[in-house]
């Protein structure tokens, strides 16, 4: 049985045994649980990276409804007050913040109406250069090249050696391995990496696409509908691959664009990719100097009230998974304060 299968089996067993109900009556840890989504929809309907789909529309609605019933869902402003210590609340509780990265069009067309109908705020971290575009980001381009590869077995040698065998390892494992290689801090030539991958795979050229990312007008509508917006940089370049000067441009320019186009002071930043190797201590200082109040990572951990690092606020992925597992995981996080998904 695969690890994911074991986790689903355990989640089902905990639900059936009543353990989840027991966890709901245990004292909550005084914490901030930040959940992160990317796309809402069916990965089978898309020709690019299936790994950026977090839930179907039906599953997302059930997840948010559950969070609203069982935990305390907070707004970005409330979360920032918790992070910086200005919120003074005597009651210990687990607060939940719902976030989205990248600004795919389905965030506006699917997620936004669900959140608005339930009276819950989502925080949407937007990439300025993607807005209203047909852009195919690097992770989707990698997925398309592997999906259409004529060479099923090949090697890459930059920024490190990697042997890829699509027939042996399958599409998903191969895709994760190539994406992991691409996002390494040592990758100083991302254009060359993609060019080399296209040559090694002999994959198809990118097709013409309809608009894939929400527009500025749609972002304004989302703000008017109670949502919050933050920065996901200007180009979604992995920050640790850039010099400090280029990082400062990415962070300051994106914040200025959001101010000019939406009339907001973007107080929150989400680091592209968000794993520990994708940003540095210098990145945190640059974000602070650019005027952000907080920056969100994406590798799990604990955000315990009183000890949250404002420029490394931990977020947890919401993988494409069963509702049973989602219910169990949020119940465990409420009690433990950890955003590591078991």
Protein backbone atom coordinates (compact mmCIF):
# COMPACT_ATOMS: atom_id res chain seq x y z
CA UNK A 1 0.00 0.00 0.00
CA UNK A 2 1.31 3.46 -0.87
CA UNK A 3 2.05 5.97 1.90
CA UNK A 4 -0.87 8.13 0.75
CA UNK A 5 -3.09 5.05 0.84
CA UNK A 6 -1.97 4.27 4.38
CA UNK A 7 -2.75 7.83 5.45
CA UNK A 8 -6.22 7.63 3.93
CA UNK A 9 -6.83 4.30 5.64
CA UNK A 10 -5.69 5.73 9.00
CA UNK A 11 -7.91 8.79 8.55
CA UNK A 12 -10.91 6.58 7.81
CA UNK A 13 -10.17 4.44 10.85
CA UNK A 14 -9.92 7.49 13.13
CA UNK A 15 -13.23 8.77 11.81
CA UNK A 16 -14.96 5.43 12.33
CA UNK A 17 -13.48 4.94 15.81
CA UNK A 18 -14.74 8.30 17.05
CA UNK A 19 -11.22 9.57 17.74
CA UNK A 20 -11.86 12.67 15.67
CA UNK A 21 -14.90 13.53 17.79
CA UNK A 22 -12.78 13.09 20.93
CA UNK A 23 -10.14 15.50 19.59
CA UNK A 24 -12.82 18.11 19.04
CA UNK A 25 -13.52 18.34 22.79
CA UNK A 26 -9.86 18.50 23.82
CA UNK A 27 -8.40 21.96 24.57
CA UNK A 28 -7.18 23.80 21.49
CA UNK A 29 -3.58 24.96 21.18
CA UNK A 30 -3.23 28.75 20.99
CA UNK A 31 -2.09 28.83 17.38
CA UNK A 32 -2.54 30.01 13.82
CA UNK A 33 -3.10 27.26 11.25
CA UNK A 34 -2.53 28.58 7.73
CA UNK A 35 -3.85 26.41 4.90
CA UNK A 36 -2.68 26.98 1.36
CA UNK A 37 -4.45 26.15 -1.90
CA UNK A 38 -3.48 26.70 -5.51
CA UNK A 39 -6.12 25.60 -8.00
CA UNK A 40 -9.70 24.44 -7.49
CA UNK A 41 -10.94 22.01 -10.12
CA UNK A 42 -10.30 18.60 -11.65
CA UNK A 43 -6.69 17.87 -12.66
CA UNK A 44 -7.95 15.40 -15.27
CA UNK A 45 -9.35 18.36 -17.23
CA UNK A 46 -5.95 20.09 -17.46
CA UNK A 47 -2.93 19.36 -19.67
CA UNK A 48 -0.35 20.90 -17.33
CA UNK A 49 0.75 20.20 -13.73
CA UNK A 50 -1.87 18.17 -11.84
CA UNK A 51 -0.02 18.82 -8.58
CA UNK A 52 -1.28 22.40 -8.31
CA UNK A 53 -4.90 21.26 -7.94
CA UNK A 54 -5.89 21.27 -4.28
CA UNK A 55 -9.55 20.20 -4.40
CA UNK A 56 -12.62 20.04 -6.58
CA UNK A 57 -15.23 22.76 -6.15
CA UNK A 58 -17.47 20.38 -4.17
CA UNK A 59 -14.62 19.32 -1.89
CA UNK A 60 -13.48 22.89 -1.33
CA UNK A 61 -16.96 23.98 -0.31
CA UNK A 62 -17.22 21.10 2.16
CA UNK A 63 -13.77 21.87 3.57
CA UNK A 64 -14.52 25.56 4.14
CA UNK A 65 -17.93 24.77 5.62
CA UNK A 66 -16.27 22.35 8.03
CA UNK A 67 -13.61 24.90 9.02
CA UNK A 68 -16.26 27.53 9.66
CA UNK A 69 -18.27 25.17 11.87
CA UNK A 70 -15.44 23.59 13.82
CA UNK A 71 -12.65 26.19 14.09
CA UNK A 72 -12.19 29.95 14.10
CA UNK A 73 -11.55 31.19 10.57
CA UNK A 74 -9.82 34.57 10.63
CA UNK A 75 -9.15 37.36 8.16
CA UNK A 76 -5.72 38.49 7.02
CA UNK A 77 -5.89 41.57 9.25
CA UNK A 78 -6.75 39.38 12.24
CA UNK A 79 -3.93 37.00 11.39
CA UNK A 80 -1.42 39.84 11.09
CA UNK A 81 -2.44 41.09 14.52
CA UNK A 82 -1.85 37.60 15.92
CA UNK A 83 1.52 37.40 14.17
CA UNK A 84 2.80 40.76 15.40
CA UNK A 85 1.39 40.33 18.90
CA UNK A 86 -1.02 43.27 18.80
CA UNK A 87 -4.06 41.00 19.24
CA UNK A 88 -4.85 40.51 22.91
CA UNK A 89 -7.26 37.65 23.46
CA UNK A 90 -7.69 35.78 26.74
CA UNK A 91 -9.17 32.71 25.07
CA UNK A 92 -6.75 30.13 23.71
CA UNK A 93 -7.90 28.80 20.37
CA UNK A 94 -6.77 27.55 16.99
CA UNK A 95 -7.38 30.15 14.28
CA UNK A 96 -7.40 29.18 10.61
CA UNK A 97 -6.35 31.38 7.69
CA UNK A 98 -7.20 30.27 4.14
CA UNK A 99 -4.71 31.30 1.45
CA UNK A 100 -4.20 30.81 -2.29
CA UNK A 101 -1.06 31.17 -4.39
CA UNK A 102 -0.53 32.23 -8.03
CA UNK A 103 -3.93 33.71 -8.96
CA UNK A 104 -5.19 31.13 -11.43
CA UNK A 105 -8.49 32.07 -13.05
CA UNK A 106 -10.35 29.34 -11.15
CA UNK A 107 -9.53 31.24 -7.94
CA UNK A 108 -11.93 33.91 -9.18
CA UNK A 109 -14.42 31.71 -11.01
CA UNK A 110 -14.73 28.89 -8.45
CA UNK A 111 -13.09 29.61 -5.09
CA UNK A 112 -14.22 33.22 -4.70
CA UNK A 113 -17.98 32.54 -5.08
CA UNK A 114 -17.76 29.68 -2.57
CA UNK A 115 -15.90 31.76 0.00
CA UNK A 116 -18.22 34.73 -0.47
CA UNK A 117 -21.34 32.59 -0.10
CA UNK A 118 -20.01 31.14 3.16
CA UNK A 119 -18.91 34.51 4.53
CA UNK A 120 -15.27 33.47 4.77
CA UNK A 121 -12.26 35.48 3.64
CA UNK A 122 -9.59 33.98 1.45
CA UNK A 123 -6.17 35.57 0.98
CA UNK A 124 -4.99 35.50 -2.63
CA UNK A 125 -1.27 35.95 -3.27
CA UNK A 126 -0.94 37.27 -6.81
CA UNK A 127 1.97 37.29 -9.26
CA UNK A 128 1.95 40.73 -10.90
CA UNK A 129 3.31 39.55 -14.27
CA UNK A 130 0.71 36.76 -14.54
CA UNK A 131 -2.35 38.96 -14.13
CA UNK A 132 -4.94 38.51 -16.90
CA UNK A 133 -2.49 36.49 -18.99
CA UNK A 134 -2.29 33.20 -20.89
CA UNK A 135 1.11 32.61 -19.25
CA UNK A 136 2.31 29.03 -18.75
CA UNK A 137 4.53 29.17 -15.63
CA UNK A 138 7.69 27.10 -15.37
CA UNK A 139 6.10 24.26 -13.36
CA UNK A 140 3.30 23.89 -15.93
CA UNK A 141 5.83 24.02 -18.79
CA UNK A 142 7.88 21.27 -17.16
CA UNK A 143 4.73 19.15 -16.74
CA UNK A 144 3.74 19.66 -20.38
CA UNK A 145 7.19 18.70 -21.66
CA UNK A 146 7.13 15.50 -19.62
CA UNK A 147 3.54 14.71 -20.57
CA UNK A 148 4.34 15.01 -24.29
CA UNK A 149 7.88 13.58 -24.13
CA UNK A 150 8.95 11.39 -27.02
CA UNK A 151 12.10 10.45 -25.10
CA UNK A 152 10.90 8.63 -22.02
CA UNK A 153 14.36 8.14 -20.59
CA UNK A 154 16.91 10.96 -20.42
CA UNK A 155 19.36 12.70 -18.12
CA UNK A 156 19.79 16.26 -16.93
CA UNK A 157 23.10 17.63 -15.70
CA UNK A 158 22.21 21.14 -14.47
CA UNK A 159 22.17 22.33 -11.74
CA UNK A 160 22.88 18.72 -10.70
CA UNK A 161 22.72 15.29 -12.29
CA UNK A 162 19.30 13.65 -12.59
CA UNK A 163 18.26 10.50 -14.42
CA UNK A 164 14.63 10.49 -15.53
CA UNK A 165 12.78 7.36 -16.63
CA UNK A 166 9.10 8.07 -17.22
CA UNK A 167 8.23 4.45 -18.00
CA UNK A 168 9.90 3.14 -14.85
CA UNK A 169 8.99 5.87 -12.35
CA UNK A 170 5.76 7.22 -13.82
CA UNK A 171 4.74 10.75 -14.71
CA UNK A 172 4.04 12.06 -11.19
CA UNK A 173 7.29 10.97 -9.56
CA UNK A 174 9.30 12.11 -12.56
CA UNK A 175 7.59 15.50 -12.58
CA UNK A 176 8.28 16.04 -8.87
CA UNK A 177 11.94 15.15 -9.37
CA UNK A 178 12.42 17.58 -12.27
CA UNK A 179 10.58 20.39 -10.48
CA UNK A 180 12.70 19.81 -7.38
CA UNK A 181 15.83 20.10 -9.54
CA UNK A 182 14.58 23.28 -11.23
CA UNK A 183 13.86 25.13 -8.00
CA UNK A 184 17.28 24.53 -6.43
CA UNK A 185 19.06 27.72 -5.44
CA UNK A 186 21.99 26.69 -7.66
CA UNK A 187 19.81 27.01 -10.78
CA UNK A 188 21.01 30.37 -12.03
CA UNK A 189 19.83 29.83 -15.63
CA UNK A 190 16.15 28.94 -15.56
CA UNK A 191 15.64 29.70 -19.26
CA UNK A 192 18.53 27.42 -20.16
CA UNK A 193 17.14 24.69 -17.89
CA UNK A 194 13.80 24.70 -19.74
CA UNK A 195 15.51 24.81 -23.12
CA UNK A 196 17.63 21.80 -22.17
CA UNK A 197 14.59 19.93 -20.86
CA UNK A 198 12.74 20.52 -24.13
CA UNK A 199 15.74 19.20 -26.04
CA UNK A 200 16.14 16.09 -23.85
CA UNK A 201 12.44 15.18 -23.76
CA UNK A 202 11.64 16.09 -27.36
CA UNK A 203 8.31 17.26 -25.96
CA UNK A 204 5.79 19.37 -27.83
CA UNK A 205 5.94 23.14 -28.07
CA UNK A 206 3.52 24.84 -25.69
CA UNK A 207 0.02 25.11 -27.15
CA UNK A 208 -2.00 28.30 -27.47
CA UNK A 209 -4.00 28.78 -24.30
CA UNK A 210 -7.05 30.70 -23.20
CA UNK A 211 -6.58 33.15 -20.35
CA UNK A 212 -5.29 31.26 -17.31
CA UNK A 213 -4.93 33.94 -14.62
CA UNK A 214 -7.43 36.34 -13.07
CA UNK A 215 -7.44 39.97 -14.18
CA UNK A 216 -7.04 43.22 -12.27
CA UNK A 217 -10.78 43.92 -12.63
CA UNK A 218 -11.55 40.51 -11.16
CA UNK A 219 -9.11 41.15 -8.32
CA UNK A 220 -10.93 44.42 -7.55
CA UNK A 221 -14.23 42.52 -7.49
CA UNK A 222 -12.75 40.01 -5.07
CA UNK A 223 -11.57 42.79 -2.77
CA UNK A 224 -15.03 44.36 -2.86
CA UNK A 225 -16.45 40.91 -2.04
CA UNK A 226 -14.48 40.64 1.19
CA UNK A 227 -11.34 38.85 0.03
CA UNK A 228 -7.76 39.95 0.81
CA UNK A 229 -4.82 40.16 -1.59
CA UNK A 230 -1.09 39.89 -1.02
CA UNK A 231 2.06 39.66 -3.12
CA UNK A 232 3.54 36.50 -4.61
CA UNK A 233 6.33 38.62 -6.17
CA UNK A 234 6.44 40.11 -9.63
CA UNK A 235 7.53 37.10 -11.71
CA UNK A 236 7.38 34.07 -9.37
CA UNK A 237 11.14 33.59 -9.63
CA UNK A 238 12.57 31.42 -6.85
CA UNK A 239 14.05 34.13 -4.66
CA UNK A 240 17.11 32.21 -3.46
CA UNK A 241 18.21 31.96 -7.12
CA UNK A 242 18.46 35.77 -7.29
CA UNK A 243 20.95 38.33 -6.02
CA UNK A 244 19.80 40.50 -3.11
CA UNK A 245 19.33 43.39 -5.54
CA UNK A 246 17.06 41.33 -7.81
CA UNK A 247 15.13 40.03 -4.81
CA UNK A 248 14.52 43.61 -3.67
CA UNK A 249 13.17 44.45 -7.14
CA UNK A 250 10.82 41.45 -7.10
CA UNK A 251 9.42 42.34 -3.69
CA UNK A 252 9.24 46.12 -3.94
CA UNK A 253 7.98 46.27 -7.53
CA UNK A 254 5.21 43.74 -6.92
CA UNK A 255 4.05 45.67 -3.85
CA UNK A 256 4.06 48.94 -5.81
CA UNK A 257 2.09 47.36 -8.66
CA UNK A 258 -0.56 46.06 -6.27
CA UNK A 259 -0.82 49.54 -4.74
CA UNK A 260 -1.13 51.22 -8.15
CA UNK A 261 -3.56 48.73 -9.70
CA UNK A 262 -5.70 47.85 -6.68
CA UNK A 263 -5.21 50.75 -4.29
CA UNK A 264 -4.04 48.52 -1.45
CA UNK A 265 -1.00 48.42 0.79
CA UNK A 266 0.02 44.80 0.36
CA UNK A 267 1.08 43.88 3.88
CA UNK A 268 1.64 40.17 3.25
CA UNK A 269 4.01 38.27 0.99
CA UNK A 270 4.08 34.59 0.07
CA UNK A 271 7.51 33.32 -0.96
CA UNK A 272 7.39 31.52 -4.34
CA UNK A 273 7.72 27.75 -3.77
CA UNK A 274 8.07 28.53 -0.05
CA UNK A 275 10.30 25.65 1.03
CA UNK A 276 13.28 26.45 3.24
CA UNK A 277 15.76 26.45 0.35
CA UNK A 278 13.71 28.95 -1.67
CA UNK A 279 14.41 31.97 0.55
CA UNK A 280 17.21 33.06 2.87
CA UNK A 281 17.77 35.21 5.92
CA UNK A 282 18.64 38.02 3.49
CA UNK A 283 15.25 37.49 1.81
CA UNK A 284 13.49 38.00 5.13
CA UNK A 285 15.34 41.27 5.73
CA UNK A 286 14.58 42.44 2.19
CA UNK A 287 10.88 41.68 2.68
CA UNK A 288 10.86 43.64 5.92
CA UNK A 289 12.64 46.58 4.28
CA UNK A 290 10.16 46.52 1.37
CA UNK A 291 7.35 47.27 3.83
CA UNK A 292 5.71 43.87 4.33
CA UNK A 293 4.38 43.06 7.79
CA UNK A 294 4.61 39.30 7.29
CA UNK A 295 5.84 36.71 4.82
CA UNK A 296 4.49 33.17 4.47
CA UNK A 297 6.51 30.04 3.76
CA UNK A 298 5.19 26.67 2.62
CA UNK A 299 6.79 23.73 4.41
CA UNK A 300 4.68 23.21 7.52
CA UNK A 301 5.49 23.69 11.17
CA UNK A 302 3.94 25.42 14.19
CA UNK A 303 2.64 28.97 14.47
CA UNK A 304 2.18 29.18 18.23
CA UNK A 305 0.83 32.50 19.49
CA UNK A 306 3.62 34.54 21.01
CA UNK A 307 6.43 32.86 19.07
CA UNK A 308 5.51 33.29 15.39
CA UNK A 309 8.32 34.39 13.09
CA UNK A 310 6.65 37.17 11.10
CA UNK A 311 8.84 36.53 8.05
CA UNK A 312 8.51 32.75 8.12
CA UNK A 313 4.84 32.14 8.90
CA UNK A 314 4.31 28.43 8.33
CA UNK A 315 1.70 27.24 5.85
CA UNK A 316 0.48 23.76 5.06
CA UNK A 317 -0.50 22.40 1.69
CA UNK A 318 -4.00 21.08 1.18
CA UNK A 319 -3.29 18.18 -1.16
CA UNK A 320 -5.90 16.55 -3.33
CA UNK A 321 -7.25 14.17 -0.65
CA UNK A 322 -10.35 12.70 0.91
CA UNK A 323 -12.62 14.71 3.17
CA UNK A 324 -12.04 12.15 5.93
CA UNK A 325 -8.34 12.91 5.90
CA UNK A 326 -8.96 16.66 5.82
CA UNK A 327 -11.26 16.43 8.85
CA UNK A 328 -8.77 14.31 10.81
CA UNK A 329 -5.83 16.53 9.95
CA UNK A 330 -7.52 19.76 10.97
CA UNK A 331 -8.68 18.14 14.22
CA UNK A 332 -5.12 17.06 15.03
CA UNK A 333 -3.75 20.50 14.13
CA UNK A 334 -6.30 22.17 16.40
CA UNK A 335 -5.00 20.19 19.37
CA UNK A 336 -1.26 20.13 18.56
CA UNK A 337 -0.84 23.52 16.90
CA UNK A 338 1.24 21.89 14.19
CA UNK A 339 0.60 22.54 10.52
CA UNK A 340 2.51 19.44 9.48
CA UNK A 341 -0.08 17.25 7.80
CA UNK A 342 0.21 13.72 9.22
